[in-house]
N, C-alpha and C. Protein backbone atom coordinates (compact mmCIF):
# COMPACT_ATOMS: atom_id res chain seq x y z
N MET A 1 -78.18 -85.92 182.42
CA MET A 1 -78.14 -86.88 181.32
C MET A 1 -76.96 -87.83 181.52
N GLN A 2 -77.18 -89.13 181.45
CA GLN A 2 -76.12 -90.08 181.68
C GLN A 2 -75.23 -90.20 180.45
N ASP A 3 -74.07 -90.89 180.64
CA ASP A 3 -73.05 -90.91 179.60
C ASP A 3 -73.57 -91.50 178.29
N ASN A 4 -74.33 -92.61 178.37
CA ASN A 4 -74.80 -93.22 177.13
C ASN A 4 -75.79 -92.32 176.40
N GLU A 5 -76.59 -91.54 177.17
CA GLU A 5 -77.53 -90.61 176.54
C GLU A 5 -76.78 -89.46 175.90
N ARG A 6 -75.75 -88.95 176.57
CA ARG A 6 -74.94 -87.89 175.98
C ARG A 6 -74.31 -88.37 174.68
N ALA A 7 -73.86 -89.62 174.67
CA ALA A 7 -73.22 -90.17 173.47
C ALA A 7 -74.20 -90.22 172.32
N ASN A 8 -75.44 -90.63 172.60
CA ASN A 8 -76.44 -90.72 171.54
C ASN A 8 -76.64 -89.36 170.88
N PHE A 9 -76.77 -88.30 171.70
CA PHE A 9 -77.04 -86.98 171.15
C PHE A 9 -75.78 -86.35 170.57
N SER A 10 -74.61 -86.65 171.10
CA SER A 10 -73.38 -86.13 170.52
C SER A 10 -73.17 -86.69 169.13
N GLU A 11 -73.43 -87.99 168.97
CA GLU A 11 -73.30 -88.60 167.66
C GLU A 11 -74.31 -88.02 166.69
N ALA A 12 -75.52 -87.76 167.19
CA ALA A 12 -76.56 -87.18 166.32
C ALA A 12 -76.13 -85.80 165.84
N ASP A 13 -75.54 -85.00 166.75
CA ASP A 13 -75.10 -83.67 166.36
C ASP A 13 -74.00 -83.75 165.30
N ALA A 14 -73.14 -84.75 165.44
CA ALA A 14 -72.00 -84.85 164.54
C ALA A 14 -72.40 -85.34 163.15
N THR A 15 -73.38 -86.21 163.08
CA THR A 15 -73.73 -86.86 161.81
C THR A 15 -75.04 -86.35 161.22
N ASP A 16 -75.80 -85.58 162.02
CA ASP A 16 -77.11 -85.09 161.62
C ASP A 16 -78.11 -86.24 161.44
N GLN A 17 -77.79 -87.40 161.99
CA GLN A 17 -78.71 -88.54 161.98
C GLN A 17 -79.14 -88.79 163.42
N VAL A 18 -80.39 -88.48 163.73
CA VAL A 18 -80.85 -88.52 165.11
C VAL A 18 -81.28 -89.94 165.49
N ASN A 19 -80.80 -90.41 166.62
CA ASN A 19 -81.28 -91.66 167.19
C ASN A 19 -82.62 -91.36 167.86
N LEU A 20 -83.71 -91.61 167.15
CA LEU A 20 -85.03 -91.23 167.66
C LEU A 20 -85.39 -91.99 168.91
N GLY A 21 -84.85 -93.19 169.07
CA GLY A 21 -85.13 -93.94 170.28
C GLY A 21 -84.63 -93.24 171.52
N ALA A 22 -83.58 -92.44 171.40
CA ALA A 22 -83.05 -91.72 172.57
C ALA A 22 -84.06 -90.71 173.08
N TYR A 23 -84.79 -90.04 172.18
CA TYR A 23 -85.81 -89.09 172.61
C TYR A 23 -86.93 -89.82 173.35
N ARG A 24 -87.33 -90.95 172.81
CA ARG A 24 -88.40 -91.73 173.43
C ARG A 24 -88.00 -92.16 174.84
N MET A 25 -86.75 -92.58 174.98
CA MET A 25 -86.29 -93.04 176.29
C MET A 25 -86.22 -91.88 177.28
N LEU A 26 -85.78 -90.70 176.83
CA LEU A 26 -85.74 -89.54 177.72
C LEU A 26 -87.14 -89.17 178.21
N LEU A 27 -88.11 -89.20 177.32
CA LEU A 27 -89.48 -88.90 177.71
C LEU A 27 -90.00 -89.91 178.72
N PHE A 28 -89.70 -91.18 178.47
CA PHE A 28 -90.15 -92.23 179.38
C PHE A 28 -89.54 -92.03 180.76
N ARG A 29 -88.25 -91.74 180.82
CA ARG A 29 -87.58 -91.63 182.11
C ARG A 29 -88.06 -90.40 182.88
N ALA A 30 -88.31 -89.30 182.18
CA ALA A 30 -88.84 -88.11 182.85
C ALA A 30 -90.24 -88.38 183.39
N SER A 31 -91.07 -89.05 182.59
CA SER A 31 -92.42 -89.37 183.03
C SER A 31 -92.39 -90.33 184.21
N HIS A 32 -91.49 -91.31 184.16
CA HIS A 32 -91.40 -92.28 185.25
C HIS A 32 -90.95 -91.59 186.55
N ALA A 33 -89.98 -90.68 186.44
CA ALA A 33 -89.52 -89.96 187.63
C ALA A 33 -90.65 -89.13 188.23
N GLN A 34 -91.45 -88.52 187.38
CA GLN A 34 -92.58 -87.72 187.84
C GLN A 34 -93.58 -88.59 188.59
N LYS A 35 -93.89 -89.76 188.03
CA LYS A 35 -94.84 -90.66 188.69
C LYS A 35 -94.30 -91.15 190.03
N GLN A 36 -93.01 -91.46 190.06
CA GLN A 36 -92.41 -91.94 191.31
C GLN A 36 -92.51 -90.89 192.42
N LEU A 37 -92.42 -89.62 192.05
CA LEU A 37 -92.53 -88.54 193.03
C LEU A 37 -93.96 -88.35 193.52
N LEU A 38 -94.92 -88.43 192.60
CA LEU A 38 -96.28 -88.02 192.93
C LEU A 38 -97.18 -89.16 193.38
N HIS A 39 -96.90 -90.39 192.99
CA HIS A 39 -97.81 -91.49 193.32
C HIS A 39 -97.99 -91.70 194.83
N PRO A 40 -96.92 -91.64 195.63
CA PRO A 40 -97.14 -91.81 197.08
C PRO A 40 -98.08 -90.76 197.66
N TYR A 41 -97.93 -89.50 197.23
CA TYR A 41 -98.82 -88.45 197.73
C TYR A 41 -100.24 -88.67 197.22
N MET A 42 -100.36 -89.09 195.98
CA MET A 42 -101.68 -89.37 195.40
C MET A 42 -102.43 -90.38 196.26
N ALA A 43 -101.75 -91.45 196.64
CA ALA A 43 -102.39 -92.48 197.46
C ALA A 43 -102.73 -91.95 198.85
N SER A 44 -101.88 -91.05 199.38
CA SER A 44 -102.09 -90.56 200.75
C SER A 44 -103.33 -89.68 200.88
N ILE A 45 -103.79 -89.10 199.76
CA ILE A 45 -105.00 -88.25 199.81
C ILE A 45 -106.22 -88.98 199.24
N GLY A 46 -106.07 -90.29 199.07
CA GLY A 46 -107.22 -91.10 198.69
C GLY A 46 -107.52 -91.19 197.22
N LEU A 47 -106.54 -90.91 196.38
CA LEU A 47 -106.77 -90.95 194.93
C LEU A 47 -106.07 -92.15 194.31
N GLY A 48 -106.69 -92.67 193.25
CA GLY A 48 -106.11 -93.78 192.51
C GLY A 48 -105.56 -93.30 191.18
N THR A 49 -104.91 -94.22 190.48
CA THR A 49 -104.30 -93.89 189.19
C THR A 49 -105.32 -93.32 188.22
N GLY A 50 -104.98 -92.19 187.60
CA GLY A 50 -105.85 -91.56 186.62
C GLY A 50 -106.87 -90.60 187.20
N GLN A 51 -107.12 -90.67 188.50
CA GLN A 51 -108.16 -89.83 189.10
C GLN A 51 -107.75 -88.38 189.33
N PRO A 52 -106.50 -88.09 189.71
CA PRO A 52 -106.15 -86.69 190.02
C PRO A 52 -106.42 -85.72 188.88
N LYS A 53 -106.11 -86.13 187.65
CA LYS A 53 -106.28 -85.19 186.54
C LYS A 53 -107.74 -84.83 186.32
N LEU A 54 -108.66 -85.73 186.68
CA LEU A 54 -110.08 -85.41 186.54
C LEU A 54 -110.47 -84.33 187.54
N LEU A 55 -109.98 -84.46 188.77
CA LEU A 55 -110.25 -83.42 189.76
C LEU A 55 -109.63 -82.09 189.36
N SER A 56 -108.41 -82.15 188.83
CA SER A 56 -107.74 -80.91 188.42
C SER A 56 -108.52 -80.20 187.32
N TYR A 57 -109.03 -80.96 186.36
CA TYR A 57 -109.80 -80.35 185.27
C TYR A 57 -111.06 -79.68 185.83
N LEU A 58 -111.76 -80.38 186.72
CA LEU A 58 -112.98 -79.83 187.29
C LEU A 58 -112.69 -78.59 188.14
N ALA A 59 -111.57 -78.61 188.86
CA ALA A 59 -111.20 -77.44 189.67
C ALA A 59 -110.88 -76.25 188.79
N GLU A 60 -110.29 -76.50 187.62
CA GLU A 60 -109.89 -75.41 186.73
C GLU A 60 -111.04 -74.91 185.87
N ASN A 61 -111.91 -75.82 185.43
CA ASN A 61 -112.91 -75.48 184.42
C ASN A 61 -114.35 -75.53 184.91
N GLY A 62 -114.57 -76.05 186.10
CA GLY A 62 -115.93 -76.15 186.61
C GLY A 62 -116.63 -77.41 186.13
N SER A 63 -117.91 -77.48 186.40
CA SER A 63 -118.71 -78.67 186.07
C SER A 63 -118.69 -78.95 184.57
N CYS A 64 -118.77 -80.24 184.22
CA CYS A 64 -118.78 -80.62 182.81
C CYS A 64 -119.36 -82.02 182.69
N THR A 65 -119.48 -82.49 181.47
CA THR A 65 -119.94 -83.85 181.26
C THR A 65 -118.75 -84.81 181.29
N PRO A 66 -119.00 -86.07 181.60
CA PRO A 66 -117.92 -87.05 181.52
C PRO A 66 -117.28 -87.10 180.14
N ARG A 67 -118.07 -86.88 179.11
CA ARG A 67 -117.54 -86.92 177.75
C ARG A 67 -116.50 -85.81 177.54
N GLU A 68 -116.75 -84.64 178.10
CA GLU A 68 -115.77 -83.55 177.97
C GLU A 68 -114.44 -83.95 178.58
N LEU A 69 -114.48 -84.60 179.73
CA LEU A 69 -113.24 -85.06 180.37
C LEU A 69 -112.53 -86.08 179.48
N ALA A 70 -113.29 -87.01 178.94
CA ALA A 70 -112.70 -88.04 178.08
C ALA A 70 -112.07 -87.42 176.84
N ASP A 71 -112.74 -86.45 176.25
CA ASP A 71 -112.22 -85.81 175.04
C ASP A 71 -110.95 -85.01 175.35
N PHE A 72 -110.96 -84.29 176.47
CA PHE A 72 -109.80 -83.45 176.79
C PHE A 72 -108.56 -84.29 177.03
N TYR A 73 -108.72 -85.37 177.77
CA TYR A 73 -107.56 -86.20 178.09
C TYR A 73 -107.34 -87.34 177.10
N GLU A 74 -108.21 -87.41 176.07
CA GLU A 74 -108.08 -88.44 175.03
C GLU A 74 -108.11 -89.84 175.64
N LEU A 75 -109.15 -90.06 176.45
CA LEU A 75 -109.32 -91.32 177.16
C LEU A 75 -110.60 -92.01 176.70
N ASP A 76 -110.66 -93.30 176.98
CA ASP A 76 -111.86 -94.08 176.70
C ASP A 76 -112.99 -93.59 177.60
N PRO A 77 -114.13 -93.18 177.04
CA PRO A 77 -115.23 -92.66 177.87
C PRO A 77 -115.68 -93.64 178.96
N ALA A 78 -115.67 -94.93 178.65
CA ALA A 78 -116.08 -95.92 179.65
C ALA A 78 -115.11 -95.93 180.83
N GLY A 79 -113.83 -95.79 180.53
CA GLY A 79 -112.84 -95.74 181.60
C GLY A 79 -113.00 -94.51 182.47
N VAL A 80 -113.29 -93.38 181.84
CA VAL A 80 -113.53 -92.14 182.59
C VAL A 80 -114.76 -92.30 183.49
N SER A 81 -115.80 -92.92 182.98
CA SER A 81 -117.01 -93.13 183.78
C SER A 81 -116.71 -93.99 185.01
N ARG A 82 -115.88 -95.01 184.84
CA ARG A 82 -115.52 -95.85 185.99
C ARG A 82 -114.74 -95.05 187.04
N MET A 83 -113.82 -94.21 186.57
CA MET A 83 -113.05 -93.39 187.52
C MET A 83 -113.95 -92.41 188.24
N LEU A 84 -114.89 -91.81 187.53
CA LEU A 84 -115.81 -90.86 188.16
C LEU A 84 -116.72 -91.56 189.16
N ASP A 85 -117.15 -92.77 188.85
CA ASP A 85 -117.96 -93.53 189.80
C ASP A 85 -117.19 -93.78 191.09
N ALA A 86 -115.89 -94.11 190.94
CA ALA A 86 -115.05 -94.33 192.12
C ALA A 86 -114.88 -93.05 192.92
N LEU A 87 -114.71 -91.93 192.23
CA LEU A 87 -114.59 -90.63 192.91
C LEU A 87 -115.88 -90.25 193.61
N GLU A 88 -117.02 -90.61 193.01
CA GLU A 88 -118.30 -90.32 193.66
C GLU A 88 -118.44 -91.13 194.94
N ARG A 89 -118.02 -92.40 194.91
CA ARG A 89 -118.10 -93.23 196.12
C ARG A 89 -117.23 -92.67 197.24
N LYS A 90 -116.14 -92.01 196.87
CA LYS A 90 -115.26 -91.40 197.87
C LYS A 90 -115.74 -90.04 198.34
N GLY A 91 -116.79 -89.54 197.71
CA GLY A 91 -117.34 -88.25 198.11
C GLY A 91 -116.65 -87.05 197.49
N PHE A 92 -115.88 -87.28 196.40
CA PHE A 92 -115.12 -86.18 195.78
C PHE A 92 -115.87 -85.50 194.65
N VAL A 93 -116.81 -86.20 194.01
CA VAL A 93 -117.61 -85.60 192.93
C VAL A 93 -119.06 -86.00 193.12
N SER A 94 -119.93 -85.24 192.46
CA SER A 94 -121.35 -85.56 192.45
C SER A 94 -121.89 -85.39 191.03
N PHE A 95 -122.98 -86.05 190.75
CA PHE A 95 -123.60 -85.99 189.43
C PHE A 95 -124.96 -85.31 189.51
N ALA A 96 -125.31 -84.63 188.43
CA ALA A 96 -126.63 -84.00 188.32
C ALA A 96 -127.09 -84.14 186.88
N PRO A 97 -128.40 -84.12 186.63
CA PRO A 97 -128.89 -84.18 185.25
C PRO A 97 -128.42 -82.98 184.44
N HIS A 98 -128.17 -83.19 183.17
CA HIS A 98 -127.79 -82.11 182.26
C HIS A 98 -129.04 -81.30 181.92
N ALA A 99 -128.94 -79.99 182.04
CA ALA A 99 -130.11 -79.14 181.81
C ALA A 99 -130.63 -79.22 180.39
N GLY A 100 -129.73 -79.43 179.42
CA GLY A 100 -130.16 -79.41 178.03
C GLY A 100 -130.24 -80.76 177.36
N ASP A 101 -129.87 -81.83 178.07
CA ASP A 101 -129.87 -83.16 177.46
C ASP A 101 -130.10 -84.19 178.56
N ARG A 102 -131.28 -84.76 178.57
CA ARG A 102 -131.63 -85.73 179.61
C ARG A 102 -130.77 -86.99 179.56
N ARG A 103 -130.14 -87.24 178.42
CA ARG A 103 -129.31 -88.44 178.31
C ARG A 103 -127.96 -88.27 178.98
N CYS A 104 -127.60 -87.02 179.30
CA CYS A 104 -126.27 -86.74 179.85
C CYS A 104 -126.33 -86.36 181.32
N LYS A 105 -125.21 -86.57 181.99
CA LYS A 105 -125.04 -86.10 183.35
C LYS A 105 -123.94 -85.04 183.40
N VAL A 106 -124.00 -84.22 184.40
CA VAL A 106 -122.96 -83.23 184.64
C VAL A 106 -122.27 -83.61 185.95
N VAL A 107 -120.95 -83.60 185.92
CA VAL A 107 -120.19 -83.95 187.11
C VAL A 107 -119.57 -82.69 187.71
N SER A 108 -119.59 -82.59 189.04
CA SER A 108 -119.05 -81.43 189.75
C SER A 108 -118.25 -81.90 190.95
N LEU A 109 -117.33 -81.04 191.39
CA LEU A 109 -116.59 -81.33 192.62
C LEU A 109 -117.48 -81.06 193.83
N THR A 110 -117.37 -81.91 194.82
CA THR A 110 -117.96 -81.62 196.12
C THR A 110 -116.99 -80.73 196.90
N SER A 111 -117.39 -80.27 198.08
CA SER A 111 -116.47 -79.47 198.88
C SER A 111 -115.23 -80.27 199.25
N GLU A 112 -115.41 -81.56 199.52
CA GLU A 112 -114.25 -82.41 199.82
C GLU A 112 -113.39 -82.60 198.58
N GLY A 113 -114.04 -82.72 197.42
CA GLY A 113 -113.28 -82.83 196.17
C GLY A 113 -112.48 -81.58 195.88
N GLU A 114 -113.05 -80.43 196.19
CA GLU A 114 -112.32 -79.17 196.01
C GLU A 114 -111.09 -79.12 196.91
N ARG A 115 -111.24 -79.58 198.14
CA ARG A 115 -110.10 -79.59 199.08
C ARG A 115 -108.99 -80.50 198.57
N VAL A 116 -109.37 -81.69 198.11
CA VAL A 116 -108.37 -82.65 197.62
C VAL A 116 -107.72 -82.13 196.34
N ALA A 117 -108.52 -81.52 195.47
CA ALA A 117 -107.96 -80.96 194.23
C ALA A 117 -106.94 -79.87 194.52
N ARG A 118 -107.24 -79.00 195.49
CA ARG A 118 -106.28 -77.95 195.87
C ARG A 118 -104.98 -78.56 196.39
N ALA A 119 -105.11 -79.58 197.21
CA ALA A 119 -103.92 -80.24 197.76
C ALA A 119 -103.10 -80.88 196.65
N TRP A 120 -103.78 -81.54 195.72
CA TRP A 120 -103.08 -82.20 194.62
C TRP A 120 -102.39 -81.18 193.73
N ASN A 121 -103.09 -80.12 193.38
CA ASN A 121 -102.51 -79.11 192.50
C ASN A 121 -101.31 -78.42 193.15
N ALA A 122 -101.36 -78.24 194.47
CA ALA A 122 -100.23 -77.64 195.18
C ALA A 122 -99.02 -78.58 195.11
N ALA A 123 -99.25 -79.88 195.25
CA ALA A 123 -98.15 -80.85 195.15
C ALA A 123 -97.58 -80.86 193.73
N CYS A 124 -98.45 -80.76 192.74
CA CYS A 124 -97.98 -80.74 191.35
C CYS A 124 -97.17 -79.49 191.05
N ALA A 125 -97.58 -78.36 191.62
CA ALA A 125 -96.84 -77.12 191.41
C ALA A 125 -95.45 -77.23 192.02
N GLU A 126 -95.36 -77.85 193.19
CA GLU A 126 -94.06 -78.04 193.83
C GLU A 126 -93.18 -78.95 192.99
N GLU A 127 -93.78 -80.01 192.46
CA GLU A 127 -93.03 -80.94 191.60
C GLU A 127 -92.56 -80.24 190.33
N ALA A 128 -93.40 -79.39 189.75
CA ALA A 128 -93.03 -78.67 188.54
C ALA A 128 -91.88 -77.71 188.80
N ARG A 129 -91.91 -77.03 189.97
CA ARG A 129 -90.81 -76.14 190.30
C ARG A 129 -89.49 -76.91 190.39
N ALA A 130 -89.54 -78.10 190.98
CA ALA A 130 -88.33 -78.92 191.08
C ALA A 130 -87.87 -79.37 189.69
N MET A 131 -88.80 -79.75 188.84
CA MET A 131 -88.47 -80.22 187.50
C MET A 131 -87.81 -79.13 186.67
N LEU A 132 -88.27 -77.89 186.84
CA LEU A 132 -87.77 -76.79 186.03
C LEU A 132 -86.66 -75.99 186.71
N ASP A 133 -86.14 -76.51 187.80
CA ASP A 133 -85.06 -75.82 188.51
C ASP A 133 -83.87 -75.61 187.58
N GLY A 134 -83.36 -74.39 187.50
CA GLY A 134 -82.23 -74.09 186.64
C GLY A 134 -82.60 -73.69 185.23
N PHE A 135 -83.88 -73.82 184.86
CA PHE A 135 -84.34 -73.38 183.55
C PHE A 135 -84.53 -71.86 183.57
N THR A 136 -84.09 -71.19 182.54
CA THR A 136 -84.38 -69.76 182.42
C THR A 136 -85.84 -69.59 181.99
N PRO A 137 -86.41 -68.40 182.17
CA PRO A 137 -87.79 -68.17 181.69
C PRO A 137 -87.94 -68.50 180.20
N GLU A 138 -86.93 -68.18 179.41
CA GLU A 138 -86.98 -68.46 177.97
C GLU A 138 -86.99 -69.97 177.73
N GLU A 139 -86.18 -70.70 178.50
CA GLU A 139 -86.13 -72.15 178.34
C GLU A 139 -87.46 -72.79 178.76
N ARG A 140 -88.08 -72.25 179.80
CA ARG A 140 -89.37 -72.79 180.22
C ARG A 140 -90.43 -72.61 179.14
N LYS A 141 -90.44 -71.43 178.53
CA LYS A 141 -91.40 -71.19 177.44
C LYS A 141 -91.12 -72.10 176.26
N ALA A 142 -89.84 -72.27 175.92
CA ALA A 142 -89.47 -73.14 174.81
C ALA A 142 -89.85 -74.58 175.10
N PHE A 143 -89.61 -75.03 176.34
CA PHE A 143 -89.94 -76.40 176.74
C PHE A 143 -91.44 -76.65 176.58
N ALA A 144 -92.25 -75.70 177.06
CA ALA A 144 -93.70 -75.84 176.93
C ALA A 144 -94.11 -75.88 175.46
N ASP A 145 -93.48 -75.07 174.64
CA ASP A 145 -93.78 -75.07 173.21
C ASP A 145 -93.41 -76.39 172.57
N TYR A 146 -92.25 -76.94 172.94
CA TYR A 146 -91.84 -78.23 172.39
C TYR A 146 -92.83 -79.33 172.76
N LEU A 147 -93.32 -79.31 174.00
CA LEU A 147 -94.27 -80.32 174.43
C LEU A 147 -95.59 -80.20 173.67
N ARG A 148 -96.06 -78.96 173.48
CA ARG A 148 -97.29 -78.76 172.70
C ARG A 148 -97.12 -79.25 171.27
N ARG A 149 -95.98 -78.94 170.67
CA ARG A 149 -95.74 -79.36 169.28
C ARG A 149 -95.61 -80.87 169.18
N ALA A 150 -94.94 -81.47 170.16
CA ALA A 150 -94.80 -82.92 170.16
C ALA A 150 -96.16 -83.59 170.27
N HIS A 151 -97.02 -83.05 171.14
CA HIS A 151 -98.37 -83.61 171.29
C HIS A 151 -99.16 -83.47 169.99
N ALA A 152 -99.08 -82.30 169.36
CA ALA A 152 -99.80 -82.08 168.10
C ALA A 152 -99.30 -83.05 167.02
N ASN A 153 -97.98 -83.25 166.96
CA ASN A 153 -97.42 -84.17 165.97
C ASN A 153 -97.90 -85.60 166.20
N LEU A 154 -97.95 -86.01 167.46
CA LEU A 154 -98.41 -87.36 167.77
C LEU A 154 -99.88 -87.53 167.44
N ARG A 155 -100.68 -86.50 167.68
CA ARG A 155 -102.09 -86.57 167.33
C ARG A 155 -102.26 -86.72 165.82
N THR A 156 -101.50 -85.95 165.06
CA THR A 156 -101.57 -86.05 163.60
C THR A 156 -101.14 -87.42 163.13
N TYR A 157 -100.07 -87.93 163.72
CA TYR A 157 -99.56 -89.26 163.36
C TYR A 157 -100.61 -90.33 163.68
N GLY A 158 -101.27 -90.21 164.84
CA GLY A 158 -102.30 -91.16 165.20
C GLY A 158 -103.47 -91.16 164.23
N GLN A 159 -103.82 -89.97 163.74
CA GLN A 159 -104.89 -89.87 162.76
C GLN A 159 -104.50 -90.54 161.44
N LYS A 160 -103.22 -90.39 161.08
CA LYS A 160 -102.74 -91.05 159.86
C LYS A 160 -102.79 -92.56 160.00
N LEU A 161 -102.38 -93.06 161.16
CA LEU A 161 -102.41 -94.50 161.40
C LEU A 161 -103.85 -95.03 161.35
N ALA A 162 -104.77 -94.28 161.97
CA ALA A 162 -106.16 -94.70 161.97
C ALA A 162 -106.73 -94.73 160.55
N ALA A 163 -106.38 -93.72 159.75
CA ALA A 163 -106.85 -93.68 158.37
C ALA A 163 -106.26 -94.83 157.57
N ALA A 164 -104.98 -95.14 157.79
CA ALA A 164 -104.34 -96.24 157.07
C ALA A 164 -104.97 -97.57 157.46
N ALA A 165 -105.29 -97.73 158.74
CA ALA A 165 -105.91 -98.97 159.21
C ALA A 165 -107.30 -99.13 158.60
N ALA A 166 -108.06 -98.02 158.52
CA ALA A 166 -109.39 -98.07 157.93
C ALA A 166 -109.31 -98.41 156.45
N ASP A 167 -108.32 -97.83 155.75
CA ASP A 167 -108.13 -98.12 154.33
C ASP A 167 -107.75 -99.57 154.13
N SER A 168 -106.89 -100.08 155.00
CA SER A 168 -106.47 -101.47 154.90
C SER A 168 -107.64 -102.43 155.09
N GLN A 169 -108.50 -102.09 156.05
CA GLN A 169 -109.65 -102.94 156.31
C GLN A 169 -110.62 -102.92 155.14
N ALA A 170 -110.74 -101.74 154.51
CA ALA A 170 -111.68 -101.61 153.40
C ALA A 170 -111.18 -102.30 152.14
N THR A 171 -109.86 -102.24 151.91
CA THR A 171 -109.30 -102.76 150.67
C THR A 171 -108.66 -104.13 150.80
N GLY A 172 -108.40 -104.55 152.03
CA GLY A 172 -107.74 -105.83 152.23
C GLY A 172 -106.24 -105.78 152.06
N ARG A 173 -105.68 -104.56 151.84
CA ARG A 173 -104.23 -104.43 151.71
C ARG A 173 -103.58 -104.39 153.07
N ILE A 174 -102.37 -104.92 153.14
CA ILE A 174 -101.59 -104.84 154.36
C ILE A 174 -100.93 -103.47 154.42
N PRO A 175 -101.16 -102.69 155.49
CA PRO A 175 -100.57 -101.35 155.53
C PRO A 175 -99.05 -101.40 155.64
N ALA A 176 -98.39 -100.40 155.04
CA ALA A 176 -96.93 -100.31 155.13
C ALA A 176 -96.53 -99.99 156.55
N GLU A 177 -95.28 -100.27 156.87
CA GLU A 177 -94.76 -99.93 158.20
C GLU A 177 -94.89 -98.42 158.40
N PRO A 178 -95.49 -97.97 159.52
CA PRO A 178 -95.73 -96.53 159.71
C PRO A 178 -94.44 -95.72 159.63
N GLY A 179 -94.45 -94.72 158.74
CA GLY A 179 -93.34 -93.79 158.67
C GLY A 179 -92.05 -94.33 158.11
N ALA A 180 -92.07 -95.57 157.59
CA ALA A 180 -90.82 -96.19 157.17
C ALA A 180 -90.13 -95.42 156.06
N SER A 181 -90.91 -94.81 155.18
CA SER A 181 -90.31 -94.10 154.05
C SER A 181 -90.08 -92.62 154.33
N GLU A 182 -90.50 -92.17 155.55
CA GLU A 182 -90.45 -90.73 155.81
C GLU A 182 -89.37 -90.32 156.79
N ALA A 183 -89.12 -91.12 157.79
CA ALA A 183 -88.29 -90.66 158.89
C ALA A 183 -87.11 -91.58 159.12
N PRO A 184 -85.86 -91.10 158.89
CA PRO A 184 -84.70 -91.90 159.25
C PRO A 184 -84.71 -92.16 160.73
N GLY A 185 -84.41 -93.41 161.08
CA GLY A 185 -84.36 -93.75 162.50
C GLY A 185 -85.71 -94.13 163.06
N ALA A 186 -86.75 -94.24 162.22
CA ALA A 186 -88.07 -94.56 162.75
C ALA A 186 -88.08 -95.92 163.42
N SER A 187 -87.30 -96.85 162.89
CA SER A 187 -87.28 -98.18 163.49
C SER A 187 -86.75 -98.14 164.91
N GLU A 188 -85.77 -97.23 165.18
CA GLU A 188 -85.26 -97.12 166.54
C GLU A 188 -86.35 -96.61 167.47
N ALA A 189 -87.13 -95.62 166.98
CA ALA A 189 -88.18 -95.06 167.82
C ALA A 189 -89.23 -96.10 168.14
N LEU A 190 -89.61 -96.91 167.13
CA LEU A 190 -90.61 -97.93 167.36
C LEU A 190 -90.08 -98.97 168.33
N GLY A 191 -88.83 -99.33 168.17
CA GLY A 191 -88.24 -100.32 169.07
C GLY A 191 -88.21 -99.83 170.49
N ALA A 192 -87.84 -98.56 170.68
CA ALA A 192 -87.80 -98.00 172.03
C ALA A 192 -89.20 -97.94 172.62
N GLY A 193 -90.18 -97.59 171.77
CA GLY A 193 -91.55 -97.52 172.24
C GLY A 193 -92.04 -98.87 172.71
N GLU A 194 -91.68 -99.95 171.97
CA GLU A 194 -92.09 -101.28 172.37
C GLU A 194 -91.44 -101.66 173.69
N ALA A 195 -90.18 -101.30 173.84
CA ALA A 195 -89.46 -101.66 175.06
C ALA A 195 -90.05 -100.95 176.26
N THR A 196 -90.32 -99.64 176.13
CA THR A 196 -90.81 -98.90 177.27
C THR A 196 -92.26 -99.23 177.58
N SER A 197 -93.06 -99.63 176.55
CA SER A 197 -94.44 -99.96 176.81
C SER A 197 -94.55 -101.22 177.61
N ARG A 198 -93.53 -102.08 177.56
CA ARG A 198 -93.56 -103.31 178.35
C ARG A 198 -93.09 -103.08 179.77
N ALA A 199 -92.45 -101.91 180.02
CA ALA A 199 -91.87 -101.67 181.36
C ALA A 199 -92.96 -101.37 182.38
């Protein structure tokens, strides 16, 4: 953690007022470092952005519909279909009719897709070991729990925003600033989010 980040959290500990933007920036920097490590290897095995996680899901869970992939990763179904089409052209996945629904297709890994998925997952495991170096087993479990809780909180928040937007559209009212009355420091978090989304 760099000096300015330490200062943000030291001040938060002293005043009990958390600079929420500091958390957002830490998440962004960790995610960026992860991408910087893995993207060169991703390209070297013939995968494009967003494609590895689809192979990993299929390797872990077996054949499924494109919709299942979109729902699991919370992605636009049309975008998932485009990625799967690209993977099919590369020979990594294949499609078959759904046994119970003629309108659906089932996607599966080919033997080459299985090989690439194994290689990718091995690289991810190595990266995870490096990321968690120095963490105790208890810290690793706590870290995983924090990430799950953060994801659940963001999903709940997204549902609230969607409901507020629907209500605004129905009533013609302008929605209030999200979370403005609930969370001290929310403006910092939103500002940091805007800054990092442009990066």
